[in-house]
Protein backbone atom coordinates (compact mmCIF):
# COMPACT_ATOMS: atom_id res chain seq x y z
CA MET A 1 -37.66 14.87 -20.36
CA ILE A 2 -36.62 11.67 -18.60
CA HIS A 3 -33.67 9.82 -20.17
CA PHE A 4 -33.23 6.09 -19.68
CA VAL A 5 -29.94 4.41 -18.83
CA CYS A 6 -29.03 0.76 -18.63
CA PRO A 7 -30.34 -0.49 -15.28
CA VAL A 8 -27.27 -2.70 -14.81
CA CYS A 9 -24.22 -0.72 -15.93
CA LYS A 10 -25.93 2.73 -15.98
CA GLY A 11 -24.50 3.32 -19.44
CA PRO A 12 -26.37 5.16 -22.23
CA LEU A 13 -29.05 3.38 -24.23
CA GLU A 14 -29.81 3.51 -27.92
CA ALA A 15 -33.48 3.59 -28.89
CA GLY A 16 -34.24 1.24 -31.76
CA ARG A 17 -37.33 -0.29 -33.32
CA GLY A 18 -39.27 -1.71 -30.39
CA ALA A 19 -36.33 -1.90 -27.99
CA TYR A 20 -33.54 -0.11 -26.14
CA SER A 21 -30.03 -1.51 -26.38
CA CYS A 22 -26.94 -0.94 -24.26
CA GLY A 23 -23.67 -0.72 -26.14
CA SER A 24 -21.64 -1.24 -22.98
CA CYS A 25 -23.07 -4.50 -21.66
CA GLN A 26 -24.93 -5.62 -24.80
CA ARG A 27 -28.29 -5.99 -23.08
CA VAL A 28 -31.51 -5.40 -25.00
CA TYR A 29 -34.71 -4.16 -23.37
CA PRO A 30 -37.96 -4.54 -25.35
CA VAL A 31 -40.85 -2.09 -25.53
CA LEU A 32 -44.11 -4.03 -25.19
CA CYS A 33 -47.63 -2.58 -25.34
CA GLY A 34 -45.97 0.84 -25.34
CA ILE A 35 -44.17 0.11 -22.03
CA PRO A 36 -40.37 -0.32 -21.91
CA ASP A 37 -39.37 -3.44 -19.98
CA PHE A 38 -36.06 -2.96 -18.17
CA ARG A 39 -36.43 -5.83 -15.70
CA ILE A 40 -33.38 -7.74 -14.56
CA LEU A 41 -35.23 -9.85 -12.00
CA PRO A 42 -38.73 -11.34 -12.39
CA ASP A 43 -41.70 -10.42 -10.28
CA ARG A 44 -41.67 -12.73 -7.25
CA TYR A 45 -45.18 -13.95 -8.15
CA ILE A 46 -44.78 -14.75 -11.86
CA SER A 47 -42.08 -15.30 -14.49
CA ILE A 48 -41.16 -12.51 -16.89
CA GLU A 49 -42.48 -14.52 -19.87
CA ASP A 50 -45.80 -15.30 -18.18
CA ASP A 51 -46.13 -11.70 -17.02
CA ARG A 52 -45.58 -10.42 -20.57
CA ASN A 53 -48.12 -12.88 -21.94
CA LYS A 54 -50.69 -11.87 -19.35
CA GLY A 55 -49.96 -8.20 -20.02
CA ALA A 56 -50.54 -8.70 -23.75
CA ARG A 57 -53.90 -10.33 -23.01
CA LEU A 58 -54.84 -7.44 -20.72
CA PHE A 59 -53.68 -4.90 -23.29
CA GLU A 60 -56.28 -6.08 -25.77
CA GLU A 61 -59.01 -5.75 -23.16
CA ALA A 62 -57.78 -2.33 -22.01
CA ARG A 63 -58.66 -0.91 -25.42
CA ARG A 64 -62.38 -1.27 -24.68
CA ARG A 65 -62.78 -1.63 -20.91
CA SER A 66 -62.88 0.98 -18.13
CA PHE A 67 -60.39 0.84 -15.27
CA ALA A 68 -62.97 -0.72 -12.93
CA GLU A 69 -63.83 -3.28 -15.60
CA MET A 70 -60.14 -4.06 -16.06
CA LEU A 71 -59.80 -4.85 -12.36
CA ASP A 72 -62.73 -7.26 -12.54
CA TYR A 73 -61.31 -8.84 -15.67
CA TYR A 74 -57.85 -9.17 -14.12
CA TYR A 75 -59.12 -11.16 -11.17
CA SER A 76 -61.38 -13.25 -13.42
CA ILE A 77 -58.21 -14.58 -15.10
CA THR A 78 -56.26 -14.82 -11.82
CA PRO A 79 -57.98 -17.67 -9.94
CA GLU A 80 -55.10 -18.07 -7.48
CA VAL A 81 -56.31 -14.92 -5.68
CA PRO A 82 -59.21 -15.90 -3.38
CA PRO A 83 -62.48 -14.04 -4.12
CA GLU A 84 -62.54 -12.26 -0.76
CA LEU A 85 -59.02 -10.92 -1.30
CA ALA A 86 -59.85 -9.97 -4.89
CA ARG A 87 -62.77 -7.88 -3.62
CA LYS A 88 -60.55 -6.27 -0.99
CA PHE A 89 -57.76 -5.47 -3.44
CA THR A 90 -60.22 -4.14 -6.03
CA ALA A 91 -61.89 -1.83 -3.52
CA HIS A 92 -58.48 -0.52 -2.48
CA ALA A 93 -57.37 0.07 -6.08
CA LEU A 94 -60.50 2.08 -6.83
CA VAL A 95 -59.75 4.58 -4.04
CA GLU A 96 -55.97 4.75 -4.49
CA GLU A 97 -56.13 8.28 -5.90
CA LYS A 98 -57.82 9.52 -2.71
CA ILE A 99 -55.37 7.59 -0.55
CA ALA A 100 -52.50 9.10 -2.55
CA ALA A 101 -53.69 12.59 -1.69
CA ALA A 102 -52.79 11.90 1.95
CA THR A 103 -49.33 10.74 0.90
CA LEU A 104 -48.73 13.79 -1.29
CA ALA A 105 -49.84 16.07 1.54
CA GLN A 106 -46.66 15.01 3.36
CA ILE A 107 -44.52 16.47 0.55
CA PRO A 108 -43.72 20.22 0.86
CA ALA A 109 -44.98 22.38 -2.00
CA GLN A 110 -41.48 23.57 -2.92
CA GLN A 111 -40.50 19.99 -3.88
CA ALA A 112 -43.02 19.99 -6.73
CA ALA A 113 -40.75 22.05 -9.00
CA GLY A 114 -39.32 18.94 -10.67
CA ALA A 115 -40.30 15.44 -11.75
CA LEU A 116 -41.75 12.81 -9.44
CA LEU A 117 -40.91 9.11 -9.57
CA ASP A 118 -43.30 6.63 -7.96
CA ALA A 119 -41.47 3.34 -7.40
CA GLY A 120 -43.90 0.45 -7.13
CA CYS A 121 -46.64 2.48 -8.80
CA SER A 122 -48.96 -0.49 -9.52
CA THR A 123 -51.90 0.91 -11.55
CA GLY A 124 -50.84 4.54 -11.14
CA GLY A 125 -53.22 5.96 -8.54
CA LEU A 126 -50.52 8.18 -7.06
CA LEU A 127 -49.46 9.31 -10.54
CA VAL A 128 -52.96 10.58 -11.25
CA ALA A 129 -53.02 12.51 -7.97
CA ALA A 130 -49.47 13.83 -8.43
CA ALA A 131 -50.05 15.02 -12.01
CA ARG A 132 -52.01 17.96 -10.59
CA ARG A 133 -48.89 19.20 -8.76
CA PHE A 134 -45.83 18.04 -10.65
CA PRO A 135 -44.70 19.01 -14.18
CA ALA A 136 -43.80 15.38 -14.93
CA VAL A 137 -44.65 12.06 -13.27
CA VAL A 138 -43.06 8.66 -13.88
CA GLY A 139 -44.21 5.31 -12.54
CA VAL A 140 -42.10 2.18 -12.18
CA ASP A 141 -43.32 -1.29 -11.28
CA VAL A 142 -41.99 -4.83 -11.65
CA ALA A 143 -45.48 -6.10 -12.55
CA PHE A 144 -45.90 -5.53 -16.28
CA ARG A 145 -49.51 -6.75 -16.10
CA TRP A 146 -50.48 -4.09 -13.55
CA LEU A 147 -48.91 -1.34 -15.61
CA VAL A 148 -51.06 -2.42 -18.54
CA VAL A 149 -54.15 -2.23 -16.33
CA GLY A 150 -52.94 1.22 -15.24
CA THR A 151 -53.07 2.50 -18.80
CA ALA A 152 -56.88 2.39 -18.52
CA ARG A 153 -56.74 4.45 -15.33
CA LEU A 154 -54.47 7.10 -16.86
CA ARG A 155 -56.61 7.30 -19.98
CA GLU A 156 -59.78 7.85 -17.96
CA ALA A 157 -58.10 10.53 -15.84
CA GLY A 158 -56.62 12.29 -18.86
CA VAL A 159 -53.16 12.06 -17.30
CA GLU A 160 -49.93 11.73 -19.24
CA ALA A 161 -47.38 9.73 -17.30
CA ALA A 162 -44.46 7.54 -18.27
CA LEU A 163 -44.99 3.92 -17.21
CA VAL A 164 -41.82 1.84 -16.97
CA CYS A 165 -41.45 -1.81 -16.09
CA ALA A 166 -38.32 -2.25 -14.00
CA ASN A 167 -36.98 -3.50 -10.70
CA ALA A 168 -36.72 -0.97 -7.89
CA GLU A 169 -33.32 -2.55 -7.23
CA TYR A 170 -32.20 -1.63 -10.78
CA LEU A 171 -33.77 1.66 -11.81
CA PRO A 172 -33.19 2.68 -15.46
CA PHE A 173 -32.69 6.39 -14.79
CA ALA A 174 -29.63 8.61 -14.54
CA GLY A 175 -28.54 9.82 -11.12
CA ASP A 176 -29.77 13.13 -9.70
CA THR A 177 -32.95 13.12 -11.83
CA PHE A 178 -36.04 13.41 -9.62
CA ALA A 179 -37.21 16.12 -7.22
CA VAL A 180 -39.35 13.60 -5.33
CA VAL A 181 -39.24 9.82 -5.13
CA THR A 182 -42.12 7.95 -3.52
CA ALA A 183 -42.30 4.25 -2.66
CA VAL A 184 -45.66 3.32 -1.16
CA ASP A 185 -46.15 -0.28 -0.03
CA LEU A 186 -43.01 -1.39 -1.84
CA VAL A 187 -40.30 -2.39 0.65
CA GLU A 188 -42.33 -5.26 2.13
CA HIS A 189 -42.47 -6.93 -1.31
CA VAL A 190 -38.75 -7.04 -2.15
CA PHE A 191 -36.28 -9.75 -1.16
CA ASP A 192 -33.70 -7.24 0.04
CA PRO A 193 -34.65 -3.60 0.64
CA ALA A 194 -31.03 -2.37 0.75
CA PRO A 195 -30.58 -1.89 -3.03
CA VAL A 196 -34.03 -0.28 -3.24
CA PHE A 197 -33.00 2.42 -0.78
CA THR A 198 -29.67 2.85 -2.57
CA GLU A 199 -31.28 3.20 -6.00
CA CYS A 200 -33.98 5.60 -4.80
CA ARG A 201 -31.27 7.80 -3.35
CA ARG A 202 -29.14 7.59 -6.51
CA VAL A 203 -31.90 8.80 -8.86
CA ALA A 204 -32.99 11.59 -6.48
CA ARG A 205 -31.37 14.93 -7.16
CA PRO A 206 -29.57 16.84 -4.38
CA GLY A 207 -32.08 18.26 -1.92
CA ALA A 208 -34.80 15.86 -3.11
CA MET A 209 -37.29 14.23 -0.80
CA VAL A 210 -37.55 10.45 -0.84
CA TYR A 211 -40.69 9.11 0.84
CA PHE A 212 -41.42 5.52 1.84
CA SER A 213 -44.55 4.17 3.50
CA THR A 214 -45.40 0.65 4.52
CA ASN A 215 -47.43 -1.48 6.88
CA ASN A 216 -45.81 -1.83 10.30
CA ARG A 217 -44.35 -5.24 11.08
CA TYR A 218 -45.32 -4.96 14.75
CA SER A 219 -48.80 -3.54 14.28
CA LEU A 220 -51.48 -4.80 16.64
CA ALA A 221 -53.90 -4.93 13.72
CA ARG A 222 -54.31 -7.86 11.35
CA GLU A 223 -51.57 -8.43 8.81
CA PRO A 224 -53.19 -6.77 5.76
CA HIS A 225 -51.92 -9.14 3.06
CA ALA A 226 -52.99 -12.36 4.80
CA ASN A 227 -55.67 -11.00 7.15
CA VAL A 228 -54.26 -12.83 10.20
CA TRP A 229 -53.15 -11.63 13.62
CA GLY A 230 -49.57 -11.44 14.86
CA ALA A 231 -47.56 -12.63 11.85
CA GLY A 232 -45.00 -9.83 12.12
CA TRP A 233 -44.16 -10.60 15.73
CA LEU A 234 -42.76 -14.00 14.82
CA PRO A 235 -39.20 -14.59 13.54
CA ARG A 236 -39.20 -14.26 9.76
CA ARG A 237 -38.35 -17.94 9.27
CA LEU A 238 -41.65 -18.89 10.98
CA GLN A 239 -43.99 -16.32 9.44
CA GLU A 240 -44.78 -18.22 6.24
CA LYS A 241 -45.55 -21.43 8.12
CA TYR A 242 -47.75 -19.59 10.62
CA VAL A 243 -49.79 -17.80 7.94
CA LYS A 244 -50.20 -21.04 6.00
CA LEU A 245 -51.36 -22.86 9.13
CA VAL A 246 -53.83 -20.16 10.19
CA SER A 247 -55.22 -19.04 6.85
CA GLY A 248 -54.11 -21.57 4.25
CA ARG A 249 -52.58 -18.76 2.18
CA SER A 250 -49.06 -18.31 0.90
CA TYR A 251 -46.88 -15.72 2.62
CA ARG A 252 -43.56 -16.42 0.93
CA ASN A 253 -43.13 -13.01 -0.71
CA ILE A 254 -44.02 -10.62 2.13
CA ALA A 255 -41.67 -9.21 4.78
CA LEU A 256 -43.10 -6.29 6.73
CA ARG A 257 -40.59 -3.80 8.15
CA SER A 258 -40.40 -2.09 11.54
CA ALA A 259 -39.53 1.53 12.28
CA GLY A 260 -36.03 0.53 13.32
CA GLU A 261 -35.47 -1.50 10.17
CA LEU A 262 -36.59 1.38 7.94
CA ARG A 263 -34.30 3.88 9.68
CA ALA A 264 -31.33 1.51 9.52
CA GLN A 265 -31.81 0.90 5.79
CA ALA A 266 -32.06 4.62 5.06
CA ARG A 267 -28.87 5.39 6.94
CA ALA A 268 -27.02 2.50 5.30
CA ALA A 269 -28.03 3.88 1.89
CA GLY A 270 -26.40 7.21 2.72
CA PHE A 271 -29.37 9.45 3.55
CA GLU A 272 -28.22 12.16 5.92
CA ALA A 273 -31.67 13.10 7.18
CA CYS A 274 -34.43 10.58 7.79
CA ASP A 275 -37.50 10.66 9.98
CA VAL A 276 -39.78 7.72 10.78
CA ALA A 277 -43.33 8.56 11.85
CA PRO A 278 -46.79 7.01 11.89
CA ALA A 279 -48.15 7.28 8.34
CA PRO A 280 -51.52 8.95 7.75
CA LEU A 281 -54.60 6.81 7.17
CA ALA A 282 -57.07 7.82 4.47
CA VAL A 283 -59.09 4.87 3.20
CA PRO A 284 -62.58 6.08 2.21
CA GLY A 285 -65.46 4.11 3.66
CA ARG A 286 -63.40 2.22 6.24
CA ALA A 287 -63.72 3.24 9.92
CA GLU A 288 -63.46 6.89 8.92
CA ARG A 289 -64.11 8.25 12.43
CA LEU A 290 -61.33 6.09 13.82
CA GLN A 291 -59.01 7.20 11.01
CA THR A 292 -59.81 10.84 11.76
CA LEU A 293 -58.94 10.34 15.44
CA TYR A 294 -55.75 8.50 14.53
CA ASN A 295 -54.65 11.24 12.12
CA ARG A 296 -55.38 13.87 14.74
CA VAL A 297 -53.14 12.32 17.39
CA ARG A 298 -50.44 10.61 15.31
CA GLY A 299 -48.16 13.67 15.35
CA ARG A 300 -48.34 14.25 19.10
CA PRO A 301 -45.09 13.15 20.80
CA GLY A 302 -46.50 10.56 23.19
CA PHE A 303 -48.88 9.03 20.69
CA SER A 304 -46.28 9.16 17.93
CA ARG A 305 -43.82 7.02 19.89
CA VAL A 306 -46.48 4.41 20.61
CA LEU A 307 -47.78 4.36 17.04
CA ARG A 308 -44.27 4.04 15.61
CA ALA A 309 -43.96 0.86 17.65
CA ILE A 310 -47.37 -0.79 17.22
CA GLY A 311 -49.44 1.42 14.88
CA PRO A 312 -50.78 0.18 11.55
CA ARG A 313 -48.55 2.11 9.13
CA LEU A 314 -45.19 3.87 9.00
CA GLU A 315 -43.72 6.59 6.83
CA LEU A 316 -40.06 7.40 6.30
CA SER A 317 -39.11 10.81 4.94
CA CYS A 318 -35.53 11.18 3.72
CA ARG A 319 -33.45 13.97 2.24
CA LYS A 320 -30.56 13.58 -0.11
């Protein structure tokens, strides 16, 4: 069983009617739509109040809609996402369980003896895939609305998983808890990745594996969030202006990381063993022959060095 602690002071929490309270720092954390909300910082795209209101609206729909229908409904009430991006994001969400299988294949079987935490779990695709291997799975995300959508996915899959709304910089779990911590496509969405690495290490138990994957800042492919070329090669202060000029889209909340940046953050957080490598590609229906070739050569020394520098995705495996 996973026990919550105060995400700020790490003190014990008392479970009350519809909320958790911390006797040490006097903070109160509500439970909404069956999901505890331990956020200290808002999602960078929406205020906490607006996110809760949107989540409540989605919760009513999730009672009678399938997961696929929930995705369509979500984007129907989110007009700020352009239709072409909504279609892209929806298609990706529908195959996340298959994509997650490639991520979980990087985790040795002996690590599956304890609980898994997926930080930045979104709608829980990795949780569904991991539930077949791990005795307990827990998902954390700052986006309350996406966790509510994820309840439809878990229900359809028949998977029991704890969904928790919290910041990856302030995880509400005791130290030395999880056998595996995963963070897929998370570090490019946070203002400062340093506390994310520190917190992921803190909640991992000794000997645990902590696995990050992300899009490569210096990839020669299009930037996947904005669908433009070359954004990552520019200084960070110019990236938002460039994306806005080229595509007309906002890029204020994205900061892709390089292999060197990932390694430096892991070492600064205190990980003693960390390895950066090209991450596997496994997106069904998208250039599958090219993905197969890439996956075949990505582990070979010469190709691995090149792909770490300019390949599409990176993975960082750490040990505590």
